[in-house]
N, C-alpha and C. Protein backbone atom coordinates (compact mmCIF):
# COMPACT_ATOMS: atom_id res chain seq x y z
N MET A 1 -7.80 -6.22 -21.59
CA MET A 1 -7.01 -5.90 -20.40
C MET A 1 -6.74 -7.19 -19.63
N PRO A 2 -5.51 -7.35 -19.12
CA PRO A 2 -5.20 -8.54 -18.32
C PRO A 2 -6.11 -8.61 -17.09
N ASN A 3 -6.26 -9.78 -16.57
CA ASN A 3 -7.07 -9.99 -15.38
C ASN A 3 -6.17 -10.57 -14.30
N PHE A 4 -5.59 -9.70 -13.47
CA PHE A 4 -4.68 -10.14 -12.42
C PHE A 4 -5.45 -10.44 -11.15
N ILE A 5 -4.83 -11.24 -10.29
CA ILE A 5 -5.39 -11.53 -8.97
C ILE A 5 -4.27 -11.36 -7.94
N LEU A 6 -4.67 -11.14 -6.70
CA LEU A 6 -3.68 -11.06 -5.63
C LEU A 6 -3.25 -12.47 -5.25
N GLY A 7 -1.96 -12.72 -5.29
CA GLY A 7 -1.42 -14.02 -4.94
C GLY A 7 -1.39 -14.23 -3.43
N GLY A 8 -0.94 -15.40 -3.03
CA GLY A 8 -0.91 -15.76 -1.62
C GLY A 8 -0.06 -14.83 -0.77
N ILE A 9 1.09 -14.41 -1.29
CA ILE A 9 1.95 -13.48 -0.54
C ILE A 9 1.21 -12.17 -0.30
N SER A 10 0.58 -11.64 -1.34
CA SER A 10 -0.17 -10.39 -1.20
C SER A 10 -1.31 -10.55 -0.22
N GLN A 11 -2.04 -11.65 -0.31
CA GLN A 11 -3.17 -11.88 0.60
C GLN A 11 -2.69 -11.91 2.05
N ARG A 12 -1.59 -12.61 2.30
CA ARG A 12 -1.04 -12.68 3.67
C ARG A 12 -0.60 -11.30 4.15
N ASN A 13 -0.01 -10.52 3.25
CA ASN A 13 0.47 -9.20 3.64
C ASN A 13 -0.65 -8.18 3.85
N LEU A 14 -1.86 -8.54 3.48
CA LEU A 14 -3.02 -7.67 3.73
C LEU A 14 -3.70 -7.98 5.06
N ILE A 15 -3.28 -9.05 5.73
CA ILE A 15 -3.88 -9.39 7.02
C ILE A 15 -3.58 -8.26 8.01
N GLY A 16 -4.62 -7.74 8.63
CA GLY A 16 -4.48 -6.67 9.61
C GLY A 16 -4.54 -5.27 9.02
N VAL A 17 -4.56 -5.17 7.68
CA VAL A 17 -4.64 -3.85 7.03
C VAL A 17 -6.09 -3.39 7.07
N HIS A 18 -6.28 -2.10 7.26
CA HIS A 18 -7.62 -1.51 7.35
C HIS A 18 -8.47 -1.93 6.15
N PRO A 19 -9.72 -2.33 6.39
CA PRO A 19 -10.57 -2.82 5.30
C PRO A 19 -10.76 -1.82 4.15
N ASP A 20 -10.75 -0.53 4.43
CA ASP A 20 -10.89 0.46 3.34
C ASP A 20 -9.71 0.38 2.39
N LEU A 21 -8.51 0.26 2.94
CA LEU A 21 -7.32 0.18 2.10
C LEU A 21 -7.28 -1.16 1.37
N VAL A 22 -7.72 -2.21 2.00
CA VAL A 22 -7.79 -3.52 1.34
C VAL A 22 -8.75 -3.43 0.15
N ARG A 23 -9.87 -2.74 0.30
CA ARG A 23 -10.81 -2.58 -0.82
C ARG A 23 -10.15 -1.85 -1.99
N VAL A 24 -9.36 -0.84 -1.69
CA VAL A 24 -8.66 -0.10 -2.75
C VAL A 24 -7.69 -1.03 -3.47
N VAL A 25 -6.89 -1.78 -2.73
CA VAL A 25 -5.90 -2.68 -3.33
C VAL A 25 -6.61 -3.73 -4.19
N ARG A 26 -7.68 -4.31 -3.68
CA ARG A 26 -8.40 -5.35 -4.44
C ARG A 26 -9.05 -4.78 -5.69
N THR A 27 -9.52 -3.56 -5.62
CA THR A 27 -10.07 -2.91 -6.82
C THR A 27 -8.96 -2.63 -7.81
N ALA A 28 -7.81 -2.16 -7.32
CA ALA A 28 -6.69 -1.84 -8.20
C ALA A 28 -6.22 -3.07 -8.97
N ILE A 29 -6.11 -4.23 -8.32
CA ILE A 29 -5.63 -5.42 -9.02
C ILE A 29 -6.64 -5.84 -10.08
N ARG A 30 -7.91 -5.54 -9.87
CA ARG A 30 -8.96 -5.89 -10.83
C ARG A 30 -8.92 -4.99 -12.06
N ILE A 31 -8.56 -3.71 -11.89
CA ILE A 31 -8.63 -2.76 -13.00
C ILE A 31 -7.29 -2.49 -13.68
N THR A 32 -6.21 -2.99 -13.12
CA THR A 32 -4.87 -2.65 -13.63
C THR A 32 -4.48 -3.45 -14.86
N ASP A 33 -3.59 -2.88 -15.63
CA ASP A 33 -2.93 -3.62 -16.71
C ASP A 33 -1.46 -3.86 -16.35
N LEU A 34 -1.13 -3.63 -15.06
CA LEU A 34 0.22 -3.84 -14.54
C LEU A 34 0.10 -4.65 -13.25
N ASP A 35 0.59 -5.88 -13.28
CA ASP A 35 0.53 -6.72 -12.10
C ASP A 35 1.36 -6.12 -10.98
N PHE A 36 0.99 -6.42 -9.74
CA PHE A 36 1.76 -5.95 -8.59
C PHE A 36 1.60 -6.91 -7.43
N ARG A 37 2.49 -6.76 -6.46
CA ARG A 37 2.45 -7.56 -5.23
C ARG A 37 2.39 -6.63 -4.03
N VAL A 38 1.63 -7.01 -3.03
CA VAL A 38 1.66 -6.33 -1.73
C VAL A 38 2.85 -6.92 -1.00
N VAL A 39 3.92 -6.12 -0.84
CA VAL A 39 5.13 -6.63 -0.20
C VAL A 39 5.15 -6.35 1.29
N GLU A 40 4.33 -5.41 1.73
CA GLU A 40 4.27 -5.13 3.16
C GLU A 40 2.97 -4.45 3.52
N GLY A 41 2.41 -4.88 4.64
CA GLY A 41 1.22 -4.26 5.20
C GLY A 41 1.55 -3.80 6.60
N VAL A 42 1.00 -4.48 7.60
CA VAL A 42 1.26 -4.13 8.99
C VAL A 42 2.70 -4.47 9.35
N ARG A 43 3.35 -3.53 10.03
CA ARG A 43 4.73 -3.71 10.50
C ARG A 43 4.78 -3.70 12.02
N THR A 44 5.77 -4.38 12.55
CA THR A 44 6.04 -4.28 13.98
C THR A 44 6.89 -3.04 14.23
N ALA A 45 6.89 -2.59 15.48
CA ALA A 45 7.73 -1.44 15.85
C ALA A 45 9.20 -1.78 15.64
N ALA A 46 9.58 -3.03 15.92
CA ALA A 46 10.97 -3.44 15.74
C ALA A 46 11.39 -3.34 14.27
N ARG A 47 10.52 -3.79 13.37
CA ARG A 47 10.83 -3.70 11.94
C ARG A 47 10.93 -2.23 11.53
N GLN A 48 10.03 -1.40 12.02
CA GLN A 48 10.07 0.02 11.67
C GLN A 48 11.36 0.66 12.14
N ARG A 49 11.81 0.32 13.33
CA ARG A 49 13.08 0.87 13.83
C ARG A 49 14.23 0.46 12.92
N LYS A 50 14.24 -0.79 12.45
CA LYS A 50 15.29 -1.25 11.54
C LYS A 50 15.24 -0.48 10.22
N LEU A 51 14.04 -0.23 9.70
CA LEU A 51 13.91 0.51 8.44
C LEU A 51 14.41 1.95 8.60
N VAL A 52 14.12 2.57 9.74
CA VAL A 52 14.62 3.92 9.99
C VAL A 52 16.14 3.90 10.11
N ALA A 53 16.67 2.94 10.83
CA ALA A 53 18.13 2.84 11.00
C ALA A 53 18.84 2.64 9.67
N SER A 54 18.21 1.93 8.74
CA SER A 54 18.84 1.67 7.44
C SER A 54 18.63 2.81 6.45
N GLY A 55 17.77 3.77 6.80
CA GLY A 55 17.47 4.88 5.89
C GLY A 55 16.33 4.59 4.94
N ALA A 56 15.70 3.43 5.05
CA ALA A 56 14.58 3.08 4.17
C ALA A 56 13.29 3.76 4.60
N SER A 57 13.25 4.30 5.81
CA SER A 57 12.12 5.07 6.31
C SER A 57 12.67 6.20 7.15
N ARG A 58 11.85 7.23 7.34
CA ARG A 58 12.31 8.38 8.12
C ARG A 58 11.45 8.64 9.34
N THR A 59 10.53 7.72 9.65
CA THR A 59 9.65 7.95 10.78
C THR A 59 9.44 6.69 11.60
N LEU A 60 9.31 6.88 12.90
CA LEU A 60 8.91 5.78 13.77
C LEU A 60 7.39 5.78 13.95
N ASN A 61 6.72 6.73 13.31
CA ASN A 61 5.27 6.87 13.42
C ASN A 61 4.60 6.47 12.10
N SER A 62 5.06 5.39 11.51
CA SER A 62 4.57 4.95 10.20
C SER A 62 3.12 4.49 10.27
N ARG A 63 2.39 4.73 9.19
CA ARG A 63 1.01 4.24 9.08
C ARG A 63 0.98 2.72 8.98
N HIS A 64 2.11 2.10 8.64
CA HIS A 64 2.18 0.63 8.62
C HIS A 64 1.95 0.04 10.01
N LEU A 65 2.34 0.76 11.05
CA LEU A 65 2.24 0.25 12.41
C LEU A 65 0.79 0.04 12.84
N THR A 66 -0.12 0.78 12.24
CA THR A 66 -1.53 0.71 12.63
C THR A 66 -2.41 0.05 11.57
N GLY A 67 -1.80 -0.47 10.51
CA GLY A 67 -2.59 -1.11 9.47
C GLY A 67 -3.20 -0.16 8.47
N HIS A 68 -2.67 1.06 8.40
CA HIS A 68 -3.21 2.07 7.50
C HIS A 68 -2.33 2.32 6.28
N ALA A 69 -1.38 1.42 5.99
CA ALA A 69 -0.50 1.59 4.83
C ALA A 69 -0.10 0.24 4.26
N VAL A 70 0.18 0.27 2.96
CA VAL A 70 0.72 -0.89 2.26
C VAL A 70 1.84 -0.43 1.35
N ASP A 71 2.75 -1.36 1.06
CA ASP A 71 3.77 -1.13 0.04
C ASP A 71 3.49 -2.11 -1.09
N LEU A 72 3.43 -1.59 -2.30
CA LEU A 72 3.16 -2.38 -3.50
C LEU A 72 4.35 -2.31 -4.44
N VAL A 73 4.66 -3.42 -5.09
CA VAL A 73 5.76 -3.45 -6.05
C VAL A 73 5.24 -4.02 -7.36
N PRO A 74 5.47 -3.30 -8.48
CA PRO A 74 5.04 -3.82 -9.79
C PRO A 74 5.77 -5.12 -10.14
N ILE A 75 5.09 -5.94 -10.91
CA ILE A 75 5.66 -7.19 -11.41
C ILE A 75 5.60 -7.14 -12.93
N VAL A 76 6.75 -7.35 -13.56
CA VAL A 76 6.82 -7.45 -15.01
C VAL A 76 7.38 -8.83 -15.32
N GLY A 77 6.61 -9.61 -16.06
CA GLY A 77 6.96 -11.02 -16.23
C GLY A 77 6.74 -11.69 -14.88
N ARG A 78 7.79 -12.20 -14.33
CA ARG A 78 7.72 -12.78 -12.98
C ARG A 78 8.65 -12.04 -12.02
N GLU A 79 9.09 -10.86 -12.44
CA GLU A 79 10.12 -10.13 -11.70
C GLU A 79 9.55 -8.89 -11.02
N LEU A 80 9.87 -8.73 -9.72
CA LEU A 80 9.54 -7.48 -9.02
C LEU A 80 10.41 -6.38 -9.60
N ARG A 81 9.80 -5.22 -9.87
CA ARG A 81 10.54 -4.13 -10.52
C ARG A 81 10.46 -2.86 -9.68
N TRP A 82 11.50 -2.05 -9.77
CA TRP A 82 11.61 -0.85 -8.96
C TRP A 82 11.72 0.41 -9.82
N ASP A 83 11.38 0.35 -11.10
CA ASP A 83 11.50 1.48 -12.04
C ASP A 83 10.42 2.54 -11.75
N TRP A 84 10.84 3.80 -11.68
CA TRP A 84 9.90 4.88 -11.38
C TRP A 84 8.74 4.98 -12.39
N PRO A 85 8.95 4.80 -13.69
CA PRO A 85 7.79 4.88 -14.59
C PRO A 85 6.70 3.86 -14.23
N LEU A 86 7.09 2.70 -13.75
CA LEU A 86 6.10 1.70 -13.32
C LEU A 86 5.35 2.18 -12.08
N TYR A 87 6.07 2.84 -11.17
CA TYR A 87 5.39 3.36 -9.96
C TYR A 87 4.43 4.49 -10.30
N ARG A 88 4.80 5.33 -11.26
CA ARG A 88 3.85 6.38 -11.67
C ARG A 88 2.57 5.75 -12.21
N HIS A 89 2.72 4.69 -12.99
CA HIS A 89 1.56 3.98 -13.53
C HIS A 89 0.75 3.35 -12.39
N LEU A 90 1.42 2.68 -11.46
CA LEU A 90 0.75 2.04 -10.34
C LEU A 90 0.07 3.08 -9.45
N GLY A 91 0.72 4.23 -9.26
CA GLY A 91 0.10 5.31 -8.48
C GLY A 91 -1.20 5.77 -9.10
N ALA A 92 -1.22 5.91 -10.43
CA ALA A 92 -2.45 6.32 -11.12
C ALA A 92 -3.54 5.27 -10.98
N VAL A 93 -3.16 4.00 -11.06
CA VAL A 93 -4.15 2.92 -10.91
C VAL A 93 -4.73 2.92 -9.51
N MET A 94 -3.88 3.07 -8.50
CA MET A 94 -4.37 3.09 -7.12
C MET A 94 -5.28 4.29 -6.86
N LYS A 95 -4.95 5.44 -7.43
CA LYS A 95 -5.80 6.62 -7.26
C LYS A 95 -7.16 6.40 -7.93
N ARG A 96 -7.14 5.78 -9.11
CA ARG A 96 -8.40 5.47 -9.81
C ARG A 96 -9.23 4.49 -8.98
N ALA A 97 -8.58 3.47 -8.43
CA ALA A 97 -9.29 2.49 -7.60
C ALA A 97 -9.86 3.17 -6.35
N ALA A 98 -9.09 4.05 -5.73
CA ALA A 98 -9.57 4.76 -4.54
C ALA A 98 -10.80 5.60 -4.88
N ASP A 99 -10.76 6.29 -6.01
CA ASP A 99 -11.91 7.07 -6.45
C ASP A 99 -13.12 6.17 -6.68
N GLU A 100 -12.87 5.01 -7.28
CA GLU A 100 -13.95 4.08 -7.60
C GLU A 100 -14.67 3.58 -6.35
N VAL A 101 -13.92 3.33 -5.27
CA VAL A 101 -14.55 2.82 -4.05
C VAL A 101 -14.83 3.93 -3.04
N GLY A 102 -14.44 5.17 -3.35
CA GLY A 102 -14.74 6.30 -2.47
C GLY A 102 -13.90 6.34 -1.20
N VAL A 103 -12.64 5.94 -1.31
CA VAL A 103 -11.72 5.94 -0.17
C VAL A 103 -10.53 6.83 -0.50
N PRO A 104 -10.28 7.87 0.29
CA PRO A 104 -9.11 8.72 0.01
C PRO A 104 -7.82 7.99 0.36
N ILE A 105 -6.80 8.19 -0.47
CA ILE A 105 -5.47 7.63 -0.18
C ILE A 105 -4.42 8.69 -0.42
N ARG A 106 -3.25 8.44 0.14
CA ARG A 106 -2.06 9.25 -0.13
C ARG A 106 -1.03 8.32 -0.72
N TRP A 107 -0.31 8.80 -1.74
CA TRP A 107 0.74 8.02 -2.38
C TRP A 107 2.08 8.64 -2.06
N GLY A 108 3.02 7.83 -1.58
CA GLY A 108 4.36 8.31 -1.26
C GLY A 108 5.11 8.86 -2.45
N GLY A 109 4.73 8.48 -3.66
CA GLY A 109 5.36 9.02 -4.86
C GLY A 109 5.04 10.47 -5.12
N ASP A 110 4.00 10.99 -4.46
CA ASP A 110 3.63 12.40 -4.59
C ASP A 110 4.35 13.29 -3.58
N TRP A 111 5.02 12.69 -2.61
CA TRP A 111 5.69 13.48 -1.58
C TRP A 111 6.87 14.22 -2.19
N THR A 112 7.12 15.43 -1.71
CA THR A 112 8.21 16.23 -2.26
C THR A 112 9.55 15.90 -1.63
N THR A 113 9.53 15.40 -0.41
CA THR A 113 10.76 14.94 0.23
C THR A 113 10.60 13.45 0.49
N PHE A 114 11.67 12.71 0.32
CA PHE A 114 11.67 11.27 0.54
C PHE A 114 10.52 10.59 -0.22
N ARG A 115 10.56 10.73 -1.54
CA ARG A 115 9.54 10.09 -2.37
C ARG A 115 9.59 8.59 -2.16
N ASP A 116 8.43 7.98 -2.00
CA ASP A 116 8.32 6.56 -1.65
C ASP A 116 7.31 5.90 -2.59
N GLY A 117 7.78 5.48 -3.76
CA GLY A 117 6.92 4.93 -4.79
C GLY A 117 6.05 3.76 -4.37
N PRO A 118 6.57 2.82 -3.58
CA PRO A 118 5.75 1.66 -3.21
C PRO A 118 4.65 1.96 -2.19
N HIS A 119 4.71 3.10 -1.51
CA HIS A 119 3.89 3.37 -0.33
C HIS A 119 2.54 4.02 -0.65
N PHE A 120 1.48 3.40 -0.13
CA PHE A 120 0.12 3.94 -0.22
C PHE A 120 -0.49 3.87 1.17
N GLU A 121 -1.17 4.96 1.58
CA GLU A 121 -1.73 4.98 2.92
C GLU A 121 -3.06 5.72 2.96
N LEU A 122 -3.83 5.40 3.99
CA LEU A 122 -5.02 6.19 4.29
C LEU A 122 -4.56 7.45 4.99
N PRO A 123 -5.16 8.59 4.68
CA PRO A 123 -4.78 9.82 5.38
C PRO A 123 -5.04 9.70 6.87
N ARG A 124 -4.30 10.41 7.67
CA ARG A 124 -4.48 10.35 9.13
C ARG A 124 -5.89 10.74 9.53
N GLN A 125 -6.58 11.52 8.73
CA GLN A 125 -7.95 11.90 9.03
C GLN A 125 -8.89 10.71 9.00
N GLN A 126 -8.42 9.58 8.48
CA GLN A 126 -9.24 8.37 8.41
C GLN A 126 -9.40 7.73 9.79
N GLY A 127 -8.83 8.33 10.80
CA GLY A 127 -9.07 7.84 12.16
C GLY A 127 -7.94 6.97 12.68
N ARG A 128 -8.17 6.50 13.88
CA ARG A 128 -7.18 5.72 14.59
C ARG A 128 -7.23 4.27 14.14
N SER A 129 -6.27 3.53 14.59
CA SER A 129 -6.20 2.10 14.28
C SER A 129 -7.43 1.38 14.79
N TRP A 130 -7.91 0.44 14.03
CA TRP A 130 -9.05 -0.39 14.44
C TRP A 130 -8.58 -1.78 14.84
N LEU A 131 -7.27 -1.98 14.95
CA LEU A 131 -6.75 -3.32 15.21
C LEU A 131 -7.29 -3.91 16.51
N HIS A 132 -7.54 -3.08 17.51
CA HIS A 132 -8.04 -3.60 18.78
C HIS A 132 -9.56 -3.48 18.88
N ALA A 133 -10.16 -2.67 18.05
CA ALA A 133 -11.62 -2.52 18.04
C ALA A 133 -12.06 -2.36 16.58
N PRO A 134 -12.41 -3.46 15.91
CA PRO A 134 -12.79 -3.37 14.50
C PRO A 134 -13.94 -2.40 14.27
N PRO A 135 -13.97 -1.76 13.09
CA PRO A 135 -15.06 -0.84 12.81
C PRO A 135 -16.38 -1.58 12.72
N LYS A 136 -17.44 -0.90 13.11
CA LYS A 136 -18.77 -1.49 12.97
C LYS A 136 -19.22 -1.34 11.53
N LEU A 137 -19.74 -2.40 10.97
CA LEU A 137 -20.18 -2.37 9.58
C LEU A 137 -21.67 -2.16 9.48
């Protein structure tokens, strides 16, 4: 099995993301046979408004705003890819990684309306944002 690592762009895009979700992503890159990049983690409200205006998102209450979501894109060769079969594979890898570390996740590819293959998030039951008060370890 290939041994992928998170590159600098992915590492930067994980800054501010909830540590549970970061653990899932780091486990996924370790166990996957499909490379991927973290293309987005925490978003500003302004960016979220632009995504809603463009139709790329349907909510101003995104989990990205609180550090509870990431968008991942598969890499084949050196190219970012948007093919649904790759997202199904990546979704399975992320679910396996989540099970391995004991962190529940939701995948946008499972949604029945507005399927969002790149999107992975902690369920809202995982609590409020810790950006202003980090969790006690």
